[in-house]
Amino acid sequence: MAVRAGQFREQIQLVFPSEAVSDGVGGWITSGEGRKVLVWARIQQLKGSQLLALGKEISSEVFRIYTRFSPTLLTADRLIWGNKDMKITSMTTDERRTEITIYATNGN
C-alpha cells in the first residue's frame, strides 16, 4: 500500500531504551530515560479488556499504529500518545519498506 499524504494525523513520541552504564561493581544500570522522537502516525484501537486480579481491576488496550518507515525507529520500546504511555509488543515493515506497523499495549 502506498503511503498517502494526510493519512498520518496523530503525533506520537517513540521512546528508545536508555543507555546502560557500569555501576562500578560489575553490574549495569540505566542512565535515565532514553531518547524520544516525535513522528506522525495513524492509530487504530484493536481491543480492550478488563479483569479482576487480587481485588483490583486491571484494564488493557491493544493498538495498531502505522507510521512512515525509518530504520532508526525499529529499536523503540515504548510510545507516548496523548496521556497514554504504551509498551511496544512488536513491529513489522511492509515489503516495500514504506511503512512500519507497531503493535502496542496500554494497561495499568
N, C-alpha and C. Protein backbone atom coordinates (compact mmCIF):
# COMPACT_ATOMS: atom_id res chain seq x y z
N MET A 1 0.84 -1.18 0.00
CA MET A 1 0.00 0.00 0.00
C MET A 1 0.89 1.24 0.00
N ALA A 2 0.60 2.18 -0.85
CA ALA A 2 1.37 3.42 -0.92
C ALA A 2 1.01 4.32 0.26
N VAL A 3 2.01 5.02 0.74
CA VAL A 3 1.79 5.97 1.83
C VAL A 3 1.26 7.25 1.22
N ARG A 4 0.04 7.61 1.58
CA ARG A 4 -0.60 8.80 1.02
C ARG A 4 -0.43 9.99 1.95
N ALA A 5 -0.36 11.16 1.35
CA ALA A 5 -0.28 12.38 2.14
C ALA A 5 -1.56 12.54 2.94
N GLY A 6 -1.45 12.91 4.18
CA GLY A 6 -2.60 13.18 5.02
C GLY A 6 -3.15 11.99 5.77
N GLN A 7 -2.61 10.78 5.56
CA GLN A 7 -3.17 9.64 6.28
C GLN A 7 -2.65 9.54 7.71
N PHE A 8 -1.53 10.17 8.02
CA PHE A 8 -0.99 10.17 9.38
C PHE A 8 -1.41 11.47 10.06
N ARG A 9 -2.36 11.38 10.99
CA ARG A 9 -2.95 12.58 11.59
C ARG A 9 -2.68 12.73 13.08
N GLU A 10 -2.09 11.73 13.70
CA GLU A 10 -1.81 11.77 15.14
C GLU A 10 -0.30 11.87 15.35
N GLN A 11 0.10 12.63 16.38
CA GLN A 11 1.51 12.69 16.73
C GLN A 11 1.77 11.77 17.91
N ILE A 12 2.82 10.96 17.78
CA ILE A 12 3.23 10.09 18.87
C ILE A 12 4.71 10.33 19.15
N GLN A 13 5.12 9.99 20.35
CA GLN A 13 6.53 10.03 20.70
C GLN A 13 7.02 8.60 20.85
N LEU A 14 8.03 8.23 20.10
CA LEU A 14 8.67 6.93 20.27
C LEU A 14 9.80 7.11 21.28
N VAL A 15 9.84 6.23 22.26
CA VAL A 15 10.84 6.31 23.33
C VAL A 15 11.81 5.15 23.16
N PHE A 16 13.09 5.47 23.11
CA PHE A 16 14.12 4.46 22.91
C PHE A 16 14.75 4.08 24.25
N PRO A 17 15.28 2.86 24.36
CA PRO A 17 15.90 2.45 25.62
C PRO A 17 17.06 3.37 25.98
N SER A 18 17.21 3.62 27.27
CA SER A 18 18.34 4.44 27.70
C SER A 18 19.60 3.58 27.68
N GLU A 19 20.72 4.24 27.63
CA GLU A 19 21.98 3.51 27.58
C GLU A 19 22.32 2.96 28.96
N ALA A 20 22.90 1.79 28.96
CA ALA A 20 23.34 1.18 30.22
C ALA A 20 24.78 1.61 30.50
N VAL A 21 25.03 1.98 31.75
CA VAL A 21 26.38 2.36 32.16
C VAL A 21 26.80 1.47 33.32
N SER A 22 28.08 1.28 33.45
CA SER A 22 28.62 0.42 34.51
C SER A 22 28.35 1.06 35.87
N ASP A 23 27.98 0.21 36.84
CA ASP A 23 27.76 0.73 38.19
C ASP A 23 29.03 0.69 39.03
N GLY A 24 30.15 0.24 38.45
CA GLY A 24 31.42 0.24 39.15
C GLY A 24 31.71 -1.03 39.93
N VAL A 25 30.74 -1.89 40.09
CA VAL A 25 30.96 -3.15 40.83
C VAL A 25 30.60 -4.36 39.97
N GLY A 26 30.66 -4.21 38.67
CA GLY A 26 30.42 -5.33 37.77
C GLY A 26 29.03 -5.42 37.20
N GLY A 27 28.15 -4.53 37.57
CA GLY A 27 26.78 -4.54 37.06
C GLY A 27 26.53 -3.37 36.12
N TRP A 28 25.30 -3.30 35.65
CA TRP A 28 24.91 -2.23 34.73
C TRP A 28 23.63 -1.58 35.22
N ILE A 29 23.54 -0.27 35.06
CA ILE A 29 22.32 0.46 35.39
C ILE A 29 21.97 1.35 34.20
N THR A 30 20.69 1.69 34.09
CA THR A 30 20.29 2.59 33.01
C THR A 30 20.55 4.02 33.42
N SER A 31 20.85 4.84 32.44
CA SER A 31 21.21 6.24 32.71
C SER A 31 20.04 7.17 32.45
N GLY A 32 18.91 6.93 33.12
CA GLY A 32 17.75 7.80 32.96
C GLY A 32 16.88 7.37 31.80
N GLU A 33 16.00 8.27 31.38
CA GLU A 33 15.09 7.97 30.28
C GLU A 33 15.79 8.10 28.95
N GLY A 34 15.39 7.28 28.00
CA GLY A 34 16.02 7.27 26.68
C GLY A 34 15.56 8.42 25.80
N ARG A 35 16.09 8.41 24.61
CA ARG A 35 15.80 9.45 23.61
C ARG A 35 14.36 9.32 23.14
N LYS A 36 13.72 10.47 22.83
CA LYS A 36 12.35 10.50 22.32
C LYS A 36 12.34 11.13 20.93
N VAL A 37 11.52 10.55 20.05
CA VAL A 37 11.38 11.07 18.68
C VAL A 37 9.90 11.27 18.40
N LEU A 38 9.55 12.44 17.91
CA LEU A 38 8.16 12.76 17.58
C LEU A 38 7.90 12.41 16.11
N VAL A 39 6.86 11.58 15.86
CA VAL A 39 6.51 11.19 14.49
C VAL A 39 5.00 11.27 14.30
N TRP A 40 4.58 11.36 13.04
CA TRP A 40 3.16 11.34 12.70
C TRP A 40 2.74 9.90 12.47
N ALA A 41 1.51 9.57 12.87
CA ALA A 41 1.05 8.18 12.78
C ALA A 41 -0.46 8.11 12.56
N ARG A 42 -0.91 6.91 12.18
CA ARG A 42 -2.33 6.57 12.12
C ARG A 42 -2.55 5.48 13.17
N ILE A 43 -3.56 5.65 14.02
CA ILE A 43 -3.75 4.76 15.17
C ILE A 43 -5.12 4.11 15.11
N GLN A 44 -5.15 2.79 15.36
CA GLN A 44 -6.40 2.03 15.45
C GLN A 44 -6.40 1.26 16.76
N GLN A 45 -7.50 1.35 17.50
CA GLN A 45 -7.63 0.52 18.70
C GLN A 45 -8.18 -0.83 18.27
N LEU A 46 -7.50 -1.91 18.64
CA LEU A 46 -7.92 -3.24 18.22
C LEU A 46 -8.88 -3.88 19.22
N LYS A 47 -8.53 -3.84 20.50
CA LYS A 47 -9.41 -4.44 21.51
C LYS A 47 -9.06 -3.88 22.87
N GLY A 48 -9.97 -4.08 23.79
CA GLY A 48 -9.73 -3.71 25.17
C GLY A 48 -10.24 -4.82 26.05
N SER A 49 -9.68 -4.95 27.22
CA SER A 49 -10.14 -5.99 28.13
C SER A 49 -10.00 -5.52 29.57
N GLN A 50 -10.81 -6.11 30.42
CA GLN A 50 -10.76 -5.81 31.85
C GLN A 50 -10.82 -7.13 32.60
N LEU A 51 -10.09 -7.21 33.69
CA LEU A 51 -10.19 -8.37 34.54
C LEU A 51 -9.96 -7.95 35.98
N LEU A 52 -10.34 -8.83 36.87
CA LEU A 52 -10.19 -8.56 38.30
C LEU A 52 -9.11 -9.49 38.82
N ALA A 53 -8.03 -8.93 39.31
CA ALA A 53 -6.93 -9.73 39.86
C ALA A 53 -6.60 -9.21 41.25
N LEU A 54 -6.68 -10.10 42.22
CA LEU A 54 -6.40 -9.76 43.61
C LEU A 54 -7.23 -8.57 44.08
N GLY A 55 -8.47 -8.52 43.65
CA GLY A 55 -9.38 -7.47 44.08
C GLY A 55 -9.18 -6.14 43.40
N LYS A 56 -8.28 -6.07 42.42
CA LYS A 56 -8.02 -4.81 41.72
C LYS A 56 -8.40 -4.98 40.25
N GLU A 57 -9.10 -4.00 39.72
CA GLU A 57 -9.48 -4.05 38.30
C GLU A 57 -8.28 -3.67 37.44
N ILE A 58 -8.00 -4.51 36.46
CA ILE A 58 -6.89 -4.27 35.54
C ILE A 58 -7.48 -4.17 34.14
N SER A 59 -7.17 -3.08 33.45
CA SER A 59 -7.67 -2.93 32.09
C SER A 59 -6.49 -2.77 31.14
N SER A 60 -6.67 -3.23 29.92
CA SER A 60 -5.63 -3.05 28.92
C SER A 60 -6.27 -2.82 27.56
N GLU A 61 -5.55 -2.13 26.71
CA GLU A 61 -5.99 -1.84 25.35
C GLU A 61 -4.86 -2.21 24.40
N VAL A 62 -5.21 -2.70 23.23
CA VAL A 62 -4.21 -3.03 22.21
C VAL A 62 -4.43 -2.09 21.03
N PHE A 63 -3.34 -1.51 20.55
CA PHE A 63 -3.40 -0.55 19.45
C PHE A 63 -2.51 -1.02 18.30
N ARG A 64 -2.95 -0.70 17.07
CA ARG A 64 -2.12 -0.87 15.88
C ARG A 64 -1.81 0.53 15.39
N ILE A 65 -0.53 0.83 15.22
CA ILE A 65 -0.08 2.16 14.84
C ILE A 65 0.73 2.05 13.56
N TYR A 66 0.41 2.89 12.59
CA TYR A 66 1.15 2.93 11.32
C TYR A 66 1.93 4.24 11.27
N THR A 67 3.17 4.19 10.80
CA THR A 67 3.97 5.39 10.60
C THR A 67 4.92 5.16 9.43
N ARG A 68 5.52 6.23 8.94
CA ARG A 68 6.45 6.10 7.81
C ARG A 68 7.68 5.30 8.23
N PHE A 69 8.25 4.57 7.29
CA PHE A 69 9.41 3.73 7.57
C PHE A 69 10.66 4.56 7.79
N SER A 70 11.40 4.20 8.81
CA SER A 70 12.75 4.69 9.04
C SER A 70 13.45 3.63 9.87
N PRO A 71 14.62 3.16 9.43
CA PRO A 71 15.28 2.09 10.17
C PRO A 71 15.64 2.48 11.60
N THR A 72 15.80 3.76 11.86
CA THR A 72 16.15 4.19 13.22
C THR A 72 14.99 4.03 14.20
N LEU A 73 13.76 3.91 13.70
CA LEU A 73 12.60 3.78 14.59
C LEU A 73 12.41 2.36 15.10
N LEU A 74 13.06 1.38 14.50
CA LEU A 74 12.81 -0.02 14.81
C LEU A 74 13.31 -0.47 16.18
N THR A 75 14.07 0.37 16.88
CA THR A 75 14.59 -0.04 18.19
C THR A 75 13.82 0.58 19.35
N ALA A 76 12.76 1.30 19.08
CA ALA A 76 11.97 1.92 20.16
C ALA A 76 11.31 0.82 21.00
N ASP A 77 11.14 1.08 22.31
CA ASP A 77 10.49 0.08 23.16
C ASP A 77 9.20 0.58 23.81
N ARG A 78 8.95 1.89 23.74
CA ARG A 78 7.71 2.46 24.27
C ARG A 78 7.25 3.56 23.33
N LEU A 79 5.97 3.94 23.48
CA LEU A 79 5.50 5.12 22.77
C LEU A 79 4.50 5.86 23.64
N ILE A 80 4.42 7.15 23.41
CA ILE A 80 3.51 8.01 24.16
C ILE A 80 2.58 8.66 23.16
N TRP A 81 1.27 8.51 23.42
CA TRP A 81 0.24 9.13 22.58
C TRP A 81 -0.73 9.83 23.52
N GLY A 82 -0.72 11.15 23.50
CA GLY A 82 -1.56 11.91 24.43
C GLY A 82 -1.14 11.59 25.85
N ASN A 83 -2.08 11.10 26.66
CA ASN A 83 -1.75 10.75 28.05
C ASN A 83 -1.51 9.25 28.22
N LYS A 84 -1.40 8.51 27.13
CA LYS A 84 -1.19 7.06 27.19
C LYS A 84 0.28 6.73 26.96
N ASP A 85 0.85 6.00 27.90
CA ASP A 85 2.22 5.52 27.80
C ASP A 85 2.13 4.03 27.49
N MET A 86 2.52 3.63 26.28
CA MET A 86 2.30 2.26 25.82
C MET A 86 3.60 1.50 25.64
N LYS A 87 3.52 0.20 25.89
CA LYS A 87 4.65 -0.70 25.68
C LYS A 87 4.51 -1.30 24.28
N ILE A 88 5.58 -1.22 23.50
CA ILE A 88 5.56 -1.79 22.15
C ILE A 88 5.77 -3.29 22.26
N THR A 89 4.83 -4.06 21.68
CA THR A 89 4.94 -5.51 21.74
C THR A 89 5.56 -6.09 20.48
N SER A 90 5.35 -5.46 19.32
CA SER A 90 6.00 -5.92 18.09
C SER A 90 5.96 -4.82 17.03
N MET A 91 6.85 -4.97 16.04
CA MET A 91 6.90 -4.06 14.89
C MET A 91 7.13 -4.88 13.63
N THR A 92 6.47 -4.49 12.56
CA THR A 92 6.70 -5.11 11.26
C THR A 92 6.80 -4.01 10.21
N THR A 93 7.43 -4.33 9.10
CA THR A 93 7.51 -3.39 7.98
C THR A 93 6.84 -4.02 6.76
N ASP A 94 6.36 -3.18 5.86
CA ASP A 94 5.81 -3.73 4.62
C ASP A 94 6.96 -4.09 3.68
N GLU A 95 6.65 -4.84 2.62
CA GLU A 95 7.71 -5.35 1.75
C GLU A 95 8.44 -4.25 0.99
N ARG A 96 7.82 -3.11 0.80
CA ARG A 96 8.47 -2.01 0.08
C ARG A 96 9.20 -1.06 1.02
N ARG A 97 9.12 -1.34 2.32
CA ARG A 97 9.77 -0.51 3.35
C ARG A 97 9.33 0.95 3.28
N THR A 98 8.04 1.14 3.18
CA THR A 98 7.49 2.49 3.19
C THR A 98 6.76 2.79 4.49
N GLU A 99 6.39 1.73 5.23
CA GLU A 99 5.56 1.91 6.42
C GLU A 99 5.96 0.91 7.50
N ILE A 100 5.88 1.34 8.75
CA ILE A 100 6.09 0.46 9.90
C ILE A 100 4.75 0.28 10.59
N THR A 101 4.43 -0.96 10.95
CA THR A 101 3.24 -1.25 11.74
C THR A 101 3.71 -1.62 13.14
N ILE A 102 3.21 -0.89 14.13
CA ILE A 102 3.59 -1.09 15.53
C ILE A 102 2.37 -1.61 16.27
N TYR A 103 2.57 -2.65 17.07
CA TYR A 103 1.52 -3.13 17.97
C TYR A 103 1.94 -2.77 19.38
N ALA A 104 1.05 -2.12 20.11
CA ALA A 104 1.39 -1.65 21.45
C ALA A 104 0.22 -1.88 22.40
N THR A 105 0.54 -2.05 23.68
CA THR A 105 -0.49 -2.23 24.70
C THR A 105 -0.40 -1.12 25.72
N ASN A 106 -1.56 -0.72 26.18
CA ASN A 106 -1.68 0.29 27.22
C ASN A 106 -2.45 -0.37 28.36
N GLY A 107 -1.86 -0.47 29.49
CA GLY A 107 -2.54 -1.10 30.62
C GLY A 107 -2.00 -0.58 31.93
N ASN A 108 -2.77 -0.83 32.98
CA ASN A 108 -2.31 -0.39 34.30
C ASN A 108 -2.17 -1.56 35.21
